[in-house]
Amino acid sequence: MEPKDWKVKIAPDILWETMLSATDELLVVVDKEGYIEVISNAYAEFLNIDPKKAAGQHVRDVIENTRMDVVIKTGQAELSEFQEIKGHRMIASRIPIVKDGKTVGALGRVLFRNAEDLRALYERMSAMERELNSYKKAYGKINTARYNINDIVGNCTAMMSLKEAAKKVAKTNSSVLILGESGTGKELFAHSIHQASPRKNAPFITVNCGTLPEDLIESELFGYEGGSFTGAKREGKQGLFQAAEGGTVFLDEIGDLPLPMQVKLLRVLQEKEIQRIGSNVREPVNVRVLAATNRDLYAMVREGKFRSDLYYRLNVVTLYIPALRERREDIPLLAKALVQKFARREGVMVEGITKAAMDCLTSYDWGGNVREMENALERAINFVGKDRWIQVEHLPVYITGARSETYQKSGNLKEIVAEAERRAIVDTLLQCRNSKSVAAKKLGICRTTLYEKMEKYGIE
């Protein structure tokens, strides 16, 4: 259908009058001689004149310090220039109106009625920028890898080989499956791989598949459209995969991921796209996936509890983190590093770990691995004596087997009784979260006596 010629049926002067009366901007239009054709009601009110009476007057007689006539002569626009009107330093723009190559008038517009308006806008914009930057920093702190390869403590052959492997796979975009018992440091390796990768400046988002409720996993990972289910936000929600755009998603406890979600995750790995709940559109995502588990995924595949196609897609590169009992030669190095970390954090002076205490640490099997050792040593530094050394008695009984250096060194009954009393006080304080009142009551002594015995045995 051919478009027909269209002509404005409303008179231009009525259009101008209607438009300028409806706006709250300070506008004025003059002809080629500099006479006002129309002025907005807001501008006329500011100048304290009748807009109808202003029409037909020369612009210099109505607006002080104007340069509208100059713009008409030069044909050059003047943008965001200062102009003082009625004692106000304003910011105005003047634009020539051109028809058939000739200047037939000019449009004047006041952008800010005074410099304070401009300053206020600048301050608002600056405040918004600062707020945005603070959100970015906060988001970065939450979603940034905190550890690198140098934070992984261990000089045994297996750990040195693993660290070298982590550096190599970090340079690629391949999926990595990190295996190992609970507490071996799987997440530490995931952080390190991201930090050593080209994606290090992009988000690093950790998802614990074992803690997310099954009915919320999909919406958390992939997001949803507004109103797609009861309780959904009206504006919808971005999923964690989209939030990690350009970066890395670390799926911890991947063995706990329900089978229906395994299918959707497989699509992300194969097609590099996600689909929000309630949406018919698939959206591309650029993320690297790292996964970890302490479960035997291969056995789960055989039992039908884990999809074989997802297993092989995740298992492009596998890193097996050995248990602490499998690398006992690293225990002294790791224990010293942990003691230094906790001592710095708590502001406590600790000289080190005695040989007898270290023997206990190296001979223990550490079912909870590094995480269990962290707990034991953090407990120990809270009860070091005046000599500032971690003794056997500062370690949990299940690690030491009820041994103590005092008992080993002497069979003197007085010393043995004193050591038993000291251990009872330390363990009770620990159980009572260092509450002296509760500990004294539990021990059947008054607080004054407890303080005296703490001083006697060097318990702080």
Protein backbone atom coordinates (compact mmCIF):
# COMPACT_ATOMS: atom_id res chain seq x y z
CA MET A 1 0.00 0.00 0.00
CA GLU A 2 1.56 3.28 -1.14
CA PRO A 3 1.90 5.95 1.59
CA LYS A 4 -0.05 9.10 0.75
CA ASP A 5 1.30 12.60 1.10
CA TRP A 6 0.78 13.94 4.60
CA LYS A 7 0.36 17.55 5.56
CA VAL A 8 0.07 19.05 9.04
CA LYS A 9 -3.53 20.13 9.44
CA ILE A 10 -3.04 21.97 12.74
CA ALA A 11 -1.71 25.49 12.40
CA PRO A 12 2.02 25.66 13.39
CA ASP A 13 1.47 28.53 15.79
CA ILE A 14 -1.13 26.49 17.71
CA LEU A 15 1.29 23.56 17.82
CA TRP A 16 4.05 25.78 19.19
CA GLU A 17 1.78 27.33 21.78
CA THR A 18 0.45 23.99 22.95
CA MET A 19 3.87 22.37 23.14
CA LEU A 20 5.54 25.25 24.96
CA SER A 21 2.71 25.65 27.45
CA ALA A 22 2.90 21.98 28.34
CA THR A 23 6.60 21.85 29.09
CA ASP A 24 8.37 23.03 32.22
CA GLU A 25 11.55 23.77 30.26
CA LEU A 26 12.80 27.31 29.66
CA LEU A 27 12.51 27.66 25.87
CA VAL A 28 12.28 30.62 23.48
CA VAL A 29 12.05 30.84 19.66
CA VAL A 30 12.97 33.99 17.72
CA ASP A 31 12.75 34.88 14.03
CA LYS A 32 15.64 35.89 11.78
CA GLU A 33 15.47 39.47 13.06
CA GLY A 34 15.67 38.40 16.70
CA TYR A 35 12.04 39.00 17.57
CA ILE A 36 10.33 36.52 19.87
CA GLU A 37 7.84 34.29 18.13
CA VAL A 38 6.97 32.14 21.12
CA ILE A 39 8.25 31.58 24.67
CA SER A 40 7.41 28.76 27.06
CA ASN A 41 5.19 29.49 30.03
CA ALA A 42 7.94 28.30 32.39
CA TYR A 43 10.45 30.78 30.89
CA ALA A 44 7.93 33.62 30.97
CA GLU A 45 7.11 32.85 34.60
CA PHE A 46 10.81 32.90 35.47
CA LEU A 47 11.18 36.28 33.74
CA ASN A 48 7.96 37.50 35.36
CA ILE A 49 6.35 38.47 32.05
CA ASP A 50 3.20 37.53 30.13
CA PRO A 51 4.17 35.02 27.40
CA LYS A 52 1.64 36.52 24.97
CA LYS A 53 2.94 40.06 25.52
CA ALA A 54 6.52 38.84 25.07
CA ALA A 55 5.74 37.62 21.56
CA GLY A 56 6.72 40.28 19.03
CA GLN A 57 9.30 41.93 21.27
CA HIS A 58 12.98 41.83 20.48
CA VAL A 59 14.74 39.18 22.47
CA ARG A 60 17.29 41.69 23.87
CA ASP A 61 14.45 43.68 25.41
CA VAL A 62 13.12 40.62 27.21
CA ILE A 63 16.14 38.45 28.06
CA GLU A 64 19.27 40.12 29.42
CA ASN A 65 22.71 39.13 28.16
CA THR A 66 21.16 37.08 25.37
CA ARG A 67 23.14 36.11 22.30
CA MET A 68 20.26 34.78 20.23
CA ASP A 69 20.74 37.52 17.61
CA VAL A 70 24.45 36.69 17.39
CA VAL A 71 23.67 33.04 16.71
CA ILE A 72 21.28 34.08 13.94
CA LYS A 73 24.01 36.15 12.26
CA THR A 74 26.81 33.57 12.59
CA GLY A 75 24.67 30.49 12.06
CA GLN A 76 26.84 28.77 14.71
CA ALA A 77 25.26 27.02 17.68
CA GLU A 78 26.42 27.92 21.18
CA LEU A 79 26.03 24.98 23.54
CA SER A 80 26.07 24.95 27.35
CA GLU A 81 27.26 28.53 27.77
CA PHE A 82 26.99 30.59 30.97
CA GLN A 83 24.45 33.44 30.89
CA GLU A 84 23.50 35.70 33.77
CA ILE A 85 19.78 36.47 33.99
CA LYS A 86 18.16 38.31 36.90
CA GLY A 87 21.17 37.70 39.09
CA HIS A 88 21.26 33.97 38.30
CA ARG A 89 24.23 32.44 36.53
CA MET A 90 22.47 30.08 34.13
CA ILE A 91 23.62 27.54 31.56
CA ALA A 92 21.98 27.93 28.17
CA SER A 93 22.20 26.63 24.62
CA ARG A 94 21.33 28.59 21.46
CA ILE A 95 20.72 26.72 18.20
CA PRO A 96 20.09 28.30 14.77
CA ILE A 97 16.95 27.20 12.86
CA VAL A 98 17.90 26.54 9.24
CA LYS A 99 15.56 26.22 6.25
CA ASP A 100 16.71 25.72 2.67
CA GLY A 101 20.27 26.46 3.76
CA LYS A 102 19.35 29.80 5.34
CA THR A 103 19.06 30.74 9.01
CA VAL A 104 15.45 31.72 9.64
CA GLY A 105 15.53 31.96 13.41
CA ALA A 106 16.95 30.42 16.57
CA LEU A 107 15.91 28.25 19.52
CA GLY A 108 17.13 29.12 23.00
CA ARG A 109 17.03 26.65 25.87
CA VAL A 110 18.10 27.07 29.48
CA LEU A 111 19.63 23.78 30.65
CA PHE A 112 20.15 24.78 34.29
CA ARG A 113 18.62 27.80 35.96
CA ASN A 114 21.78 28.31 37.98
CA ALA A 115 25.16 26.74 38.55
CA GLU A 116 23.86 25.18 41.75
CA ASP A 117 21.47 23.03 39.70
CA LEU A 118 24.40 21.79 37.64
CA ARG A 119 26.46 21.19 40.78
CA ALA A 120 23.57 19.33 42.40
CA LEU A 121 23.22 17.13 39.31
CA TYR A 122 26.95 16.49 39.29
CA GLU A 123 26.89 15.56 42.97
CA ARG A 124 23.93 13.22 42.42
CA MET A 125 25.70 11.56 39.51
CA SER A 126 28.92 11.31 41.52
CA ALA A 127 27.02 9.78 44.44
CA MET A 128 25.39 7.26 42.11
CA GLU A 129 28.78 6.41 40.61
CA ARG A 130 30.30 5.94 44.06
CA GLU A 131 27.38 3.74 45.09
CA LEU A 132 27.71 1.69 41.91
CA ASN A 133 31.44 1.27 42.51
CA SER A 134 30.81 0.19 46.09
CA TYR A 135 28.30 -2.41 44.87
CA LYS A 136 30.84 -3.61 42.31
CA LYS A 137 33.52 -3.88 44.98
CA ALA A 138 31.17 -5.69 47.36
CA TYR A 139 30.06 -8.02 44.58
CA GLY A 140 33.68 -8.58 43.65
CA LYS A 141 34.62 -9.46 47.21
CA ILE A 142 31.77 -11.95 47.43
CA ASN A 143 32.36 -13.46 44.01
CA THR A 144 36.13 -13.43 43.72
CA ALA A 145 38.60 -16.27 44.13
CA ARG A 146 40.50 -15.63 47.38
CA TYR A 147 43.33 -18.14 47.01
CA ASN A 148 46.06 -18.91 44.51
CA ILE A 149 48.55 -21.73 43.91
CA ASN A 150 50.98 -20.30 46.49
CA ASP A 151 48.34 -20.72 49.21
CA ILE A 152 48.37 -24.49 48.74
CA VAL A 153 50.75 -25.91 51.37
CA GLY A 154 52.49 -29.14 50.51
CA ASN A 155 55.92 -30.21 49.19
CA CYS A 156 55.35 -33.91 48.77
CA THR A 157 55.63 -35.35 45.26
CA ALA A 158 51.87 -35.75 44.84
CA MET A 159 51.08 -32.14 45.86
CA MET A 160 53.87 -30.65 43.73
CA SER A 161 52.56 -32.59 40.74
CA LEU A 162 48.99 -31.42 41.45
CA LYS A 163 50.02 -27.77 41.67
CA GLU A 164 51.82 -27.99 38.33
CA ALA A 165 48.76 -29.67 36.78
CA ALA A 166 46.50 -26.93 38.18
CA LYS A 167 48.69 -24.24 36.58
CA LYS A 168 48.48 -25.97 33.21
CA VAL A 169 44.72 -26.60 33.14
CA ALA A 170 44.09 -23.05 34.34
CA LYS A 171 45.15 -21.75 30.91
CA THR A 172 42.37 -23.69 29.14
CA ASN A 173 38.57 -23.54 29.25
CA SER A 174 38.09 -27.26 29.87
CA SER A 175 35.90 -28.52 32.68
CA VAL A 176 37.82 -29.86 35.68
CA LEU A 177 36.59 -32.48 38.14
CA ILE A 178 38.30 -32.23 41.54
CA LEU A 179 38.07 -35.37 43.68
CA GLY A 180 39.08 -36.01 47.25
CA GLU A 181 37.84 -36.66 50.75
CA SER A 182 36.08 -33.96 52.72
CA GLY A 183 38.47 -31.31 54.00
CA THR A 184 41.36 -32.04 51.62
CA GLY A 185 41.25 -28.60 49.98
CA LYS A 186 39.22 -29.15 46.81
CA GLU A 187 37.78 -25.64 46.92
CA LEU A 188 41.27 -24.23 47.41
CA PHE A 189 42.33 -25.81 44.11
CA ALA A 190 39.21 -24.43 42.39
CA HIS A 191 40.04 -20.91 43.59
CA SER A 192 43.64 -21.36 42.45
CA ILE A 193 42.68 -22.54 38.96
CA HIS A 194 40.43 -19.50 38.48
CA GLN A 195 43.12 -17.13 39.77
CA ALA A 196 45.69 -18.53 37.35
CA SER A 197 43.31 -18.40 34.37
CA PRO A 198 42.58 -15.66 31.82
CA ARG A 199 39.19 -15.35 33.57
CA LYS A 200 40.72 -14.19 36.87
CA ASN A 201 39.22 -10.68 36.65
CA ALA A 202 35.71 -12.05 36.05
CA PRO A 203 33.39 -13.48 38.75
CA PHE A 204 34.13 -16.72 40.58
CA ILE A 205 30.87 -18.10 41.94
CA THR A 206 30.67 -21.10 44.26
CA VAL A 207 27.53 -23.22 44.40
CA ASN A 208 27.16 -25.97 46.98
CA CYS A 209 24.85 -28.46 45.28
CA GLY A 210 24.30 -30.29 48.56
CA THR A 211 22.82 -27.33 50.43
CA LEU A 212 20.43 -25.89 47.82
CA PRO A 213 16.81 -27.11 48.21
CA GLU A 214 15.90 -29.32 45.26
CA ASP A 215 12.94 -27.14 44.25
CA LEU A 216 15.14 -24.01 44.13
CA ILE A 217 18.26 -25.31 42.38
CA GLU A 218 17.05 -24.54 38.85
CA SER A 219 15.95 -20.98 39.64
CA GLU A 220 19.21 -20.30 41.49
CA LEU A 221 21.41 -21.62 38.71
CA PHE A 222 19.50 -20.41 35.66
CA GLY A 223 17.14 -17.70 36.93
CA TYR A 224 13.47 -17.15 36.04
CA GLU A 225 11.11 -14.80 34.24
CA GLY A 226 8.84 -12.51 36.25
CA GLY A 227 5.65 -14.18 37.48
CA SER A 228 6.74 -17.62 36.30
CA PHE A 229 5.71 -19.21 39.61
CA THR A 230 4.13 -18.29 42.93
CA GLY A 231 6.45 -16.10 44.93
CA ALA A 232 8.56 -15.12 41.92
CA LYS A 233 9.77 -11.53 41.73
CA ARG A 234 7.80 -9.41 39.28
CA GLU A 235 10.97 -8.37 37.47
CA GLY A 236 12.37 -11.90 37.33
CA LYS A 237 15.79 -12.98 38.53
CA GLN A 238 19.17 -13.58 37.01
CA GLY A 239 20.70 -17.00 37.64
CA LEU A 240 24.18 -17.68 38.97
CA PHE A 241 25.43 -18.83 35.56
CA GLN A 242 24.55 -15.47 34.04
CA ALA A 243 25.99 -13.66 37.07
CA ALA A 244 29.28 -15.48 36.41
CA GLU A 245 29.42 -14.36 32.76
CA GLY A 246 32.99 -14.46 31.54
CA GLY A 247 34.14 -16.16 34.73
CA THR A 248 33.95 -19.47 36.54
CA VAL A 249 31.20 -21.45 38.28
CA PHE A 250 32.44 -23.90 40.91
CA LEU A 251 29.90 -26.65 41.60
CA ASP A 252 30.87 -28.12 44.94
CA GLU A 253 29.35 -31.44 46.03
CA ILE A 254 28.33 -32.15 42.41
CA GLY A 255 27.47 -35.71 43.42
CA ASP A 256 24.43 -34.36 45.30
CA LEU A 257 22.90 -32.74 42.20
CA PRO A 258 19.46 -34.27 41.45
CA LEU A 259 19.13 -36.22 38.19
CA PRO A 260 16.65 -33.76 36.55
CA MET A 261 19.12 -30.92 37.10
CA GLN A 262 21.96 -33.00 35.69
CA VAL A 263 20.21 -32.89 32.28
CA LYS A 264 20.00 -29.09 32.37
CA LEU A 265 23.61 -28.76 33.47
CA LEU A 266 24.66 -31.01 30.59
CA ARG A 267 23.03 -28.54 28.16
CA VAL A 268 25.06 -25.71 29.64
CA LEU A 269 28.28 -27.65 29.17
CA GLN A 270 27.41 -28.84 25.66
CA GLU A 271 25.56 -25.87 24.16
CA LYS A 272 26.94 -23.03 26.31
CA GLU A 273 23.42 -21.69 26.89
CA ILE A 274 20.81 -21.55 29.64
CA GLN A 275 17.04 -21.23 29.71
CA ARG A 276 15.31 -19.38 32.52
CA ILE A 277 12.25 -20.84 34.18
CA GLY A 278 9.17 -19.51 32.36
CA SER A 279 11.10 -18.50 29.26
CA ASN A 280 11.02 -19.98 25.75
CA VAL A 281 14.32 -18.36 24.84
CA ARG A 282 17.73 -19.90 25.31
CA GLU A 283 20.45 -17.44 26.23
CA PRO A 284 24.17 -17.93 25.60
CA VAL A 285 26.56 -17.94 28.56
CA ASN A 286 30.33 -17.83 28.64
CA VAL A 287 31.42 -19.59 31.81
CA ARG A 288 33.91 -22.24 32.80
CA VAL A 289 32.66 -25.03 35.05
CA LEU A 290 34.75 -26.59 37.81
CA ALA A 291 33.20 -29.33 39.91
CA ALA A 292 34.19 -31.19 43.06
CA THR A 293 32.92 -34.09 45.11
CA ASN A 294 34.02 -36.49 47.84
CA ARG A 295 31.80 -39.21 46.37
CA ASP A 296 32.69 -41.94 43.89
CA LEU A 297 30.97 -40.61 40.77
CA TYR A 298 32.00 -43.58 38.65
CA ALA A 299 30.28 -45.95 41.09
CA MET A 300 27.22 -43.65 41.06
CA VAL A 301 27.15 -43.87 37.24
CA ARG A 302 27.12 -47.66 37.42
CA GLU A 303 24.30 -47.51 39.97
CA GLY A 304 22.28 -45.11 37.80
CA LYS A 305 22.53 -42.29 40.34
CA PHE A 306 24.62 -40.01 38.13
CA ARG A 307 24.35 -39.48 34.38
CA SER A 308 27.23 -40.99 32.44
CA ASP A 309 27.13 -38.27 29.74
CA LEU A 310 27.44 -35.54 32.39
CA TYR A 311 30.20 -37.48 34.15
CA TYR A 312 32.32 -37.66 31.00
CA ARG A 313 31.58 -34.03 30.15
CA LEU A 314 32.78 -32.92 33.60
CA ASN A 315 35.64 -35.39 33.70
CA VAL A 316 37.71 -33.74 30.94
CA VAL A 317 40.50 -33.15 33.46
CA THR A 318 40.57 -34.86 36.86
CA LEU A 319 42.55 -33.75 39.89
CA TYR A 320 42.63 -36.14 42.84
CA ILE A 321 43.59 -34.43 46.12
CA PRO A 322 45.24 -36.96 48.46
CA ALA A 323 44.06 -37.34 52.04
CA LEU A 324 46.31 -35.91 54.74
CA ARG A 325 47.22 -39.39 56.00
CA GLU A 326 48.51 -40.12 52.47
CA ARG A 327 51.01 -37.27 52.67
CA ARG A 328 52.16 -37.28 56.28
CA GLU A 329 55.45 -35.61 55.31
CA ASP A 330 53.45 -32.40 54.68
CA ILE A 331 51.83 -32.37 58.13
CA PRO A 332 54.62 -30.43 59.96
CA LEU A 333 54.76 -27.79 57.21
CA LEU A 334 50.97 -27.49 57.10
CA ALA A 335 50.65 -27.35 60.91
CA LYS A 336 53.21 -24.54 61.19
CA ALA A 337 51.48 -22.57 58.43
CA LEU A 338 48.09 -22.93 60.15
CA VAL A 339 49.47 -21.90 63.55
CA GLN A 340 51.02 -18.78 62.02
CA LYS A 341 47.74 -17.91 60.30
CA PHE A 342 45.63 -18.27 63.45
CA ALA A 343 48.22 -16.50 65.63
CA ARG A 344 48.24 -13.47 63.30
CA ARG A 345 44.47 -13.40 63.16
CA GLU A 346 44.02 -13.63 66.92
CA GLY A 347 46.99 -11.44 67.81
CA VAL A 348 48.59 -14.22 69.88
CA MET A 349 52.32 -14.90 70.20
CA VAL A 350 53.09 -18.56 69.47
CA GLU A 351 56.67 -19.81 69.26
CA GLY A 352 55.77 -23.12 67.66
CA ILE A 353 54.74 -26.71 68.27
CA THR A 354 56.72 -28.99 70.58
CA LYS A 355 58.17 -32.21 69.16
CA ALA A 356 55.85 -34.37 71.27
CA ALA A 357 52.81 -32.42 70.05
CA MET A 358 54.03 -32.62 66.45
CA ASP A 359 54.47 -36.38 66.84
CA CYS A 360 50.81 -36.58 67.84
CA LEU A 361 49.81 -34.60 64.77
CA THR A 362 51.83 -36.70 62.34
CA SER A 363 50.72 -40.04 63.78
CA TYR A 364 46.99 -39.17 63.77
CA ASP A 365 44.96 -40.31 60.73
CA TRP A 366 42.96 -37.07 60.20
CA GLY A 367 39.62 -38.36 59.00
CA GLY A 368 38.53 -34.75 58.46
CA ASN A 369 41.86 -33.90 56.77
CA VAL A 370 43.04 -30.25 56.68
CA ARG A 371 39.72 -28.92 57.95
CA GLU A 372 40.01 -31.10 61.07
CA MET A 373 43.60 -29.97 61.62
CA GLU A 374 42.53 -26.33 61.33
CA ASN A 375 39.95 -26.88 64.07
CA ALA A 376 42.44 -28.64 66.37
CA LEU A 377 45.17 -26.01 66.01
CA GLU A 378 42.81 -23.06 66.30
CA ARG A 379 41.66 -24.58 69.59
CA ALA A 380 45.27 -25.09 70.69
CA ILE A 381 46.47 -21.50 70.28
CA ASN A 382 43.71 -20.30 72.59
CA PHE A 383 45.29 -22.19 75.48
CA VAL A 384 49.05 -21.87 75.01
CA GLY A 385 50.94 -21.18 78.20
CA LYS A 386 53.50 -18.51 79.06
CA ASP A 387 56.20 -20.39 77.17
CA ARG A 388 54.16 -19.78 73.98
CA TRP A 389 54.58 -23.33 72.71
CA ILE A 390 51.74 -25.64 71.68
CA GLN A 391 52.01 -28.65 73.98
CA VAL A 392 50.43 -32.08 73.79
CA GLU A 393 47.82 -31.06 76.38
CA HIS A 394 46.61 -28.24 74.13
CA LEU A 395 45.48 -30.78 71.54
CA PRO A 396 42.20 -32.71 71.75
CA VAL A 397 42.42 -36.01 73.63
CA TYR A 398 41.19 -38.00 70.61
CA ILE A 399 44.37 -36.87 68.79
CA THR A 400 46.86 -37.30 71.62
CA GLY A 401 45.48 -40.52 73.04
CA ALA A 402 45.51 -38.89 76.52
CA ARG A 403 49.30 -38.42 76.39
CA SER A 404 50.96 -35.40 77.98
CA GLU A 405 54.54 -34.23 78.05
CA THR A 406 54.46 -33.86 81.84
CA TYR A 407 53.36 -37.45 82.27
CA GLN A 408 56.02 -38.69 79.84
CA LYS A 409 58.82 -36.74 81.48
CA SER A 410 58.00 -37.56 85.09
CA GLY A 411 56.21 -40.09 87.18
CA ASN A 412 55.98 -37.63 90.08
CA LEU A 413 52.45 -37.86 91.46
CA LYS A 414 52.26 -34.13 92.26
CA GLU A 415 53.13 -33.20 88.68
CA ILE A 416 50.72 -35.73 87.23
CA VAL A 417 47.88 -34.41 89.42
CA ALA A 418 48.75 -30.80 88.49
CA GLU A 419 48.75 -31.71 84.80
CA ALA A 420 45.38 -33.44 85.12
CA GLU A 421 43.99 -30.35 86.84
CA ARG A 422 45.34 -28.08 84.11
CA ARG A 423 43.84 -30.26 81.38
CA ALA A 424 40.48 -30.32 83.16
CA ILE A 425 40.45 -26.51 83.35
CA VAL A 426 41.46 -26.08 79.68
CA ASP A 427 38.86 -28.56 78.42
CA THR A 428 36.11 -27.06 80.57
CA LEU A 429 36.90 -23.52 79.39
CA LEU A 430 36.76 -24.77 75.83
CA GLN A 431 33.40 -26.46 76.37
CA CYS A 432 32.04 -23.30 78.02
CA ARG A 433 33.32 -21.04 75.19
CA ASN A 434 35.78 -19.42 77.60
CA SER A 435 33.05 -18.27 80.00
CA LYS A 436 34.79 -18.16 83.38
CA SER A 437 31.55 -18.11 85.38
CA VAL A 438 30.09 -21.15 83.65
CA ALA A 439 33.41 -23.04 83.77
CA ALA A 440 33.88 -22.34 87.49
CA LYS A 441 30.37 -23.58 88.23
CA LYS A 442 30.94 -26.72 86.17
CA LEU A 443 34.25 -27.40 87.94
CA GLY A 444 32.66 -26.83 91.34
CA ILE A 445 34.94 -23.93 92.31
CA CYS A 446 34.47 -20.17 92.66
CA ARG A 447 35.62 -17.75 89.95
CA THR A 448 38.43 -16.42 92.18
CA THR A 449 39.86 -19.91 92.57
CA LEU A 450 39.54 -20.49 88.81
CA TYR A 451 41.48 -17.31 88.05
CA GLU A 452 44.18 -18.31 90.56
CA LYS A 453 44.58 -21.74 88.98
CA MET A 454 44.62 -20.24 85.45
CA GLU A 455 47.44 -17.96 86.53
CA LYS A 456 49.24 -20.81 88.22
CA TYR A 457 49.15 -22.99 85.12
CA GLY A 458 49.71 -20.18 82.66
CA ILE A 459 46.29 -20.53 81.03
CA GLU A 460 45.21 -17.39 79.15
